[in-house]
Amino acid sequence: MAGLAAGLIIAGGATRLMQGVLFGVGPLDVVAFTVAPAVLIPIAVIACLLPANRAARIDPLEALRSE
């Protein structure tokens, strides 16, 4: 969540620098700043949970023996 907050603050500041290349979107478009995190947060959660679930199913002794 801290990274999300920092990213939104940095993105808000960067829009002033990128106003020339933003077509059809305002510099501080609320929809764009809402939809992007709403899409990226579930993707990040899934990307973290899938390997964690796989690692949790492995027997610790078996994992140590393979090293």
N, C-alpha and C. Protein backbone atom coordinates (compact mmCIF):
# COMPACT_ATOMS: atom_id res chain seq x y z
N MET A 1 0.82 -1.19 0.00
CA MET A 1 0.00 0.00 0.00
C MET A 1 0.87 1.26 0.00
N ALA A 2 2.01 1.18 0.67
CA ALA A 2 2.91 2.33 0.67
C ALA A 2 3.44 2.60 -0.73
N GLY A 3 3.75 1.53 -1.46
CA GLY A 3 4.21 1.68 -2.84
C GLY A 3 3.13 2.25 -3.73
N LEU A 4 1.89 1.84 -3.49
CA LEU A 4 0.77 2.37 -4.26
C LEU A 4 0.62 3.86 -4.02
N ALA A 5 0.68 4.27 -2.75
CA ALA A 5 0.56 5.69 -2.43
C ALA A 5 1.71 6.49 -3.04
N ALA A 6 2.92 5.97 -2.92
CA ALA A 6 4.07 6.67 -3.49
C ALA A 6 3.96 6.75 -5.01
N GLY A 7 3.51 5.67 -5.63
CA GLY A 7 3.35 5.67 -7.08
C GLY A 7 2.32 6.66 -7.55
N LEU A 8 1.21 6.77 -6.82
CA LEU A 8 0.18 7.73 -7.21
C LEU A 8 0.67 9.17 -7.06
N ILE A 9 1.43 9.42 -6.00
CA ILE A 9 1.98 10.78 -5.81
C ILE A 9 2.97 11.11 -6.92
N ILE A 10 3.85 10.17 -7.22
CA ILE A 10 4.84 10.40 -8.29
C ILE A 10 4.16 10.54 -9.64
N ALA A 11 3.15 9.70 -9.89
CA ALA A 11 2.42 9.78 -11.16
C ALA A 11 1.69 11.12 -11.28
N GLY A 12 1.14 11.59 -10.17
CA GLY A 12 0.47 12.90 -10.20
C GLY A 12 1.44 14.01 -10.55
N GLY A 13 2.65 13.93 -10.01
CA GLY A 13 3.67 14.92 -10.34
C GLY A 13 4.19 14.79 -11.76
N ALA A 14 4.27 13.55 -12.23
CA ALA A 14 4.80 13.31 -13.58
C ALA A 14 3.83 13.76 -14.66
N THR A 15 2.55 13.85 -14.34
CA THR A 15 1.59 14.26 -15.37
C THR A 15 1.85 15.68 -15.84
N ARG A 16 2.38 16.51 -14.97
CA ARG A 16 2.71 17.88 -15.39
C ARG A 16 3.82 17.87 -16.45
N LEU A 17 4.74 16.92 -16.31
CA LEU A 17 5.83 16.82 -17.28
C LEU A 17 5.37 16.18 -18.59
N MET A 18 4.32 15.36 -18.52
CA MET A 18 3.88 14.58 -19.68
C MET A 18 2.61 15.11 -20.32
N GLN A 19 2.20 16.33 -20.02
CA GLN A 19 0.96 16.86 -20.57
C GLN A 19 0.94 16.85 -22.09
N GLY A 20 2.07 16.96 -22.71
CA GLY A 20 2.13 16.98 -24.17
C GLY A 20 1.81 15.64 -24.81
N VAL A 21 1.98 14.53 -24.11
CA VAL A 21 1.73 13.22 -24.69
C VAL A 21 0.47 12.55 -24.17
N LEU A 22 -0.28 13.23 -23.29
CA LEU A 22 -1.54 12.68 -22.79
C LEU A 22 -2.67 13.11 -23.72
N PHE A 23 -3.18 12.17 -24.50
CA PHE A 23 -4.25 12.48 -25.44
C PHE A 23 -5.55 11.87 -24.94
N GLY A 24 -6.56 12.68 -24.76
CA GLY A 24 -7.87 12.21 -24.33
C GLY A 24 -7.96 11.96 -22.84
N VAL A 25 -6.92 12.31 -22.09
CA VAL A 25 -6.91 12.13 -20.64
C VAL A 25 -6.40 13.41 -20.03
N GLY A 26 -7.09 13.89 -19.02
CA GLY A 26 -6.63 15.08 -18.32
C GLY A 26 -5.43 14.76 -17.46
N PRO A 27 -4.67 15.76 -17.07
CA PRO A 27 -3.47 15.52 -16.27
C PRO A 27 -3.76 14.80 -14.95
N LEU A 28 -4.84 15.10 -14.30
CA LEU A 28 -5.21 14.44 -13.05
C LEU A 28 -6.58 13.79 -13.19
N ASP A 29 -6.72 12.94 -14.19
CA ASP A 29 -7.98 12.26 -14.48
C ASP A 29 -8.28 11.26 -13.36
N VAL A 30 -9.38 11.46 -12.68
CA VAL A 30 -9.74 10.62 -11.53
C VAL A 30 -10.00 9.19 -11.96
N VAL A 31 -10.63 9.00 -13.10
CA VAL A 31 -10.94 7.64 -13.57
C VAL A 31 -9.66 6.87 -13.83
N ALA A 32 -8.70 7.48 -14.49
CA ALA A 32 -7.44 6.80 -14.79
C ALA A 32 -6.67 6.47 -13.52
N PHE A 33 -6.68 7.38 -12.55
CA PHE A 33 -5.97 7.16 -11.30
C PHE A 33 -6.72 6.19 -10.38
N THR A 34 -7.97 5.86 -10.69
CA THR A 34 -8.72 4.89 -9.91
C THR A 34 -8.68 3.52 -10.55
N VAL A 35 -8.82 3.46 -11.87
CA VAL A 35 -8.87 2.18 -12.57
C VAL A 35 -7.52 1.48 -12.56
N ALA A 36 -6.45 2.22 -12.74
CA ALA A 36 -5.12 1.59 -12.79
C ALA A 36 -4.80 0.82 -11.51
N PRO A 37 -4.93 1.41 -10.33
CA PRO A 37 -4.67 0.62 -9.11
C PRO A 37 -5.70 -0.49 -8.91
N ALA A 38 -6.95 -0.25 -9.31
CA ALA A 38 -7.98 -1.28 -9.14
C ALA A 38 -7.67 -2.51 -9.99
N VAL A 39 -6.98 -2.34 -11.09
CA VAL A 39 -6.60 -3.47 -11.93
C VAL A 39 -5.28 -4.09 -11.45
N LEU A 40 -4.34 -3.25 -11.07
CA LEU A 40 -3.01 -3.74 -10.73
C LEU A 40 -2.92 -4.41 -9.36
N ILE A 41 -3.72 -3.97 -8.40
CA ILE A 41 -3.66 -4.58 -7.06
C ILE A 41 -4.07 -6.05 -7.10
N PRO A 42 -5.20 -6.44 -7.72
CA PRO A 42 -5.52 -7.88 -7.77
C PRO A 42 -4.48 -8.70 -8.53
N ILE A 43 -3.90 -8.13 -9.58
CA ILE A 43 -2.86 -8.84 -10.32
C ILE A 43 -1.65 -9.07 -9.43
N ALA A 44 -1.25 -8.07 -8.65
CA ALA A 44 -0.12 -8.22 -7.75
C ALA A 44 -0.40 -9.24 -6.65
N VAL A 45 -1.62 -9.24 -6.13
CA VAL A 45 -1.98 -10.21 -5.09
C VAL A 45 -1.92 -11.63 -5.64
N ILE A 46 -2.46 -11.83 -6.83
CA ILE A 46 -2.42 -13.16 -7.45
C ILE A 46 -0.98 -13.58 -7.73
N ALA A 47 -0.17 -12.64 -8.21
CA ALA A 47 1.23 -12.95 -8.51
C ALA A 47 2.00 -13.33 -7.26
N CYS A 48 1.60 -12.83 -6.11
CA CYS A 48 2.26 -13.21 -4.85
C CYS A 48 1.70 -14.50 -4.27
N LEU A 49 0.40 -14.70 -4.39
CA LEU A 49 -0.23 -15.86 -3.76
C LEU A 49 0.06 -17.18 -4.47
N LEU A 50 0.17 -17.17 -5.78
CA LEU A 50 0.40 -18.42 -6.50
C LEU A 50 1.72 -19.08 -6.10
N PRO A 51 2.85 -18.39 -6.13
CA PRO A 51 4.09 -19.03 -5.68
C PRO A 51 4.09 -19.36 -4.18
N ALA A 52 3.43 -18.52 -3.37
CA ALA A 52 3.38 -18.79 -1.93
C ALA A 52 2.59 -20.06 -1.64
N ASN A 53 1.50 -20.27 -2.35
CA ASN A 53 0.72 -21.50 -2.17
C ASN A 53 1.53 -22.72 -2.59
N ARG A 54 2.23 -22.61 -3.69
CA ARG A 54 3.05 -23.73 -4.16
C ARG A 54 4.17 -24.03 -3.17
N ALA A 55 4.78 -23.01 -2.63
CA ALA A 55 5.86 -23.21 -1.65
C ALA A 55 5.33 -23.77 -0.34
N ALA A 56 4.12 -23.41 0.03
CA ALA A 56 3.55 -23.89 1.28
C ALA A 56 3.20 -25.37 1.22
N ARG A 57 2.98 -25.90 0.02
CA ARG A 57 2.63 -27.31 -0.13
C ARG A 57 3.84 -28.24 -0.12
N ILE A 58 5.04 -27.70 -0.26
CA ILE A 58 6.25 -28.52 -0.30
C ILE A 58 6.69 -28.86 1.13
N ASP A 59 7.08 -30.09 1.35
CA ASP A 59 7.60 -30.52 2.65
C ASP A 59 8.94 -29.82 2.89
N PRO A 60 9.13 -29.16 4.03
CA PRO A 60 10.38 -28.44 4.28
C PRO A 60 11.63 -29.32 4.22
N LEU A 61 11.55 -30.55 4.74
CA LEU A 61 12.72 -31.43 4.69
C LEU A 61 13.07 -31.81 3.26
N GLU A 62 12.07 -32.01 2.45
CA GLU A 62 12.32 -32.35 1.04
C GLU A 62 12.94 -31.16 0.31
N ALA A 63 12.50 -29.97 0.62
CA ALA A 63 13.08 -28.77 0.00
C ALA A 63 14.54 -28.59 0.41
N LEU A 64 14.85 -28.87 1.67
CA LEU A 64 16.22 -28.73 2.14
C LEU A 64 17.14 -29.79 1.54
N ARG A 65 16.63 -30.98 1.32
CA ARG A 65 17.44 -32.05 0.74
C ARG A 65 17.83 -31.75 -0.70
N SER A 66 16.98 -31.04 -1.41
CA SER A 66 17.28 -30.75 -2.81
C SER A 66 18.39 -29.71 -2.95
N GLU A 67 18.67 -28.97 -1.91
CA GLU A 67 19.74 -27.98 -1.93
C GLU A 67 21.00 -28.72 -1.70
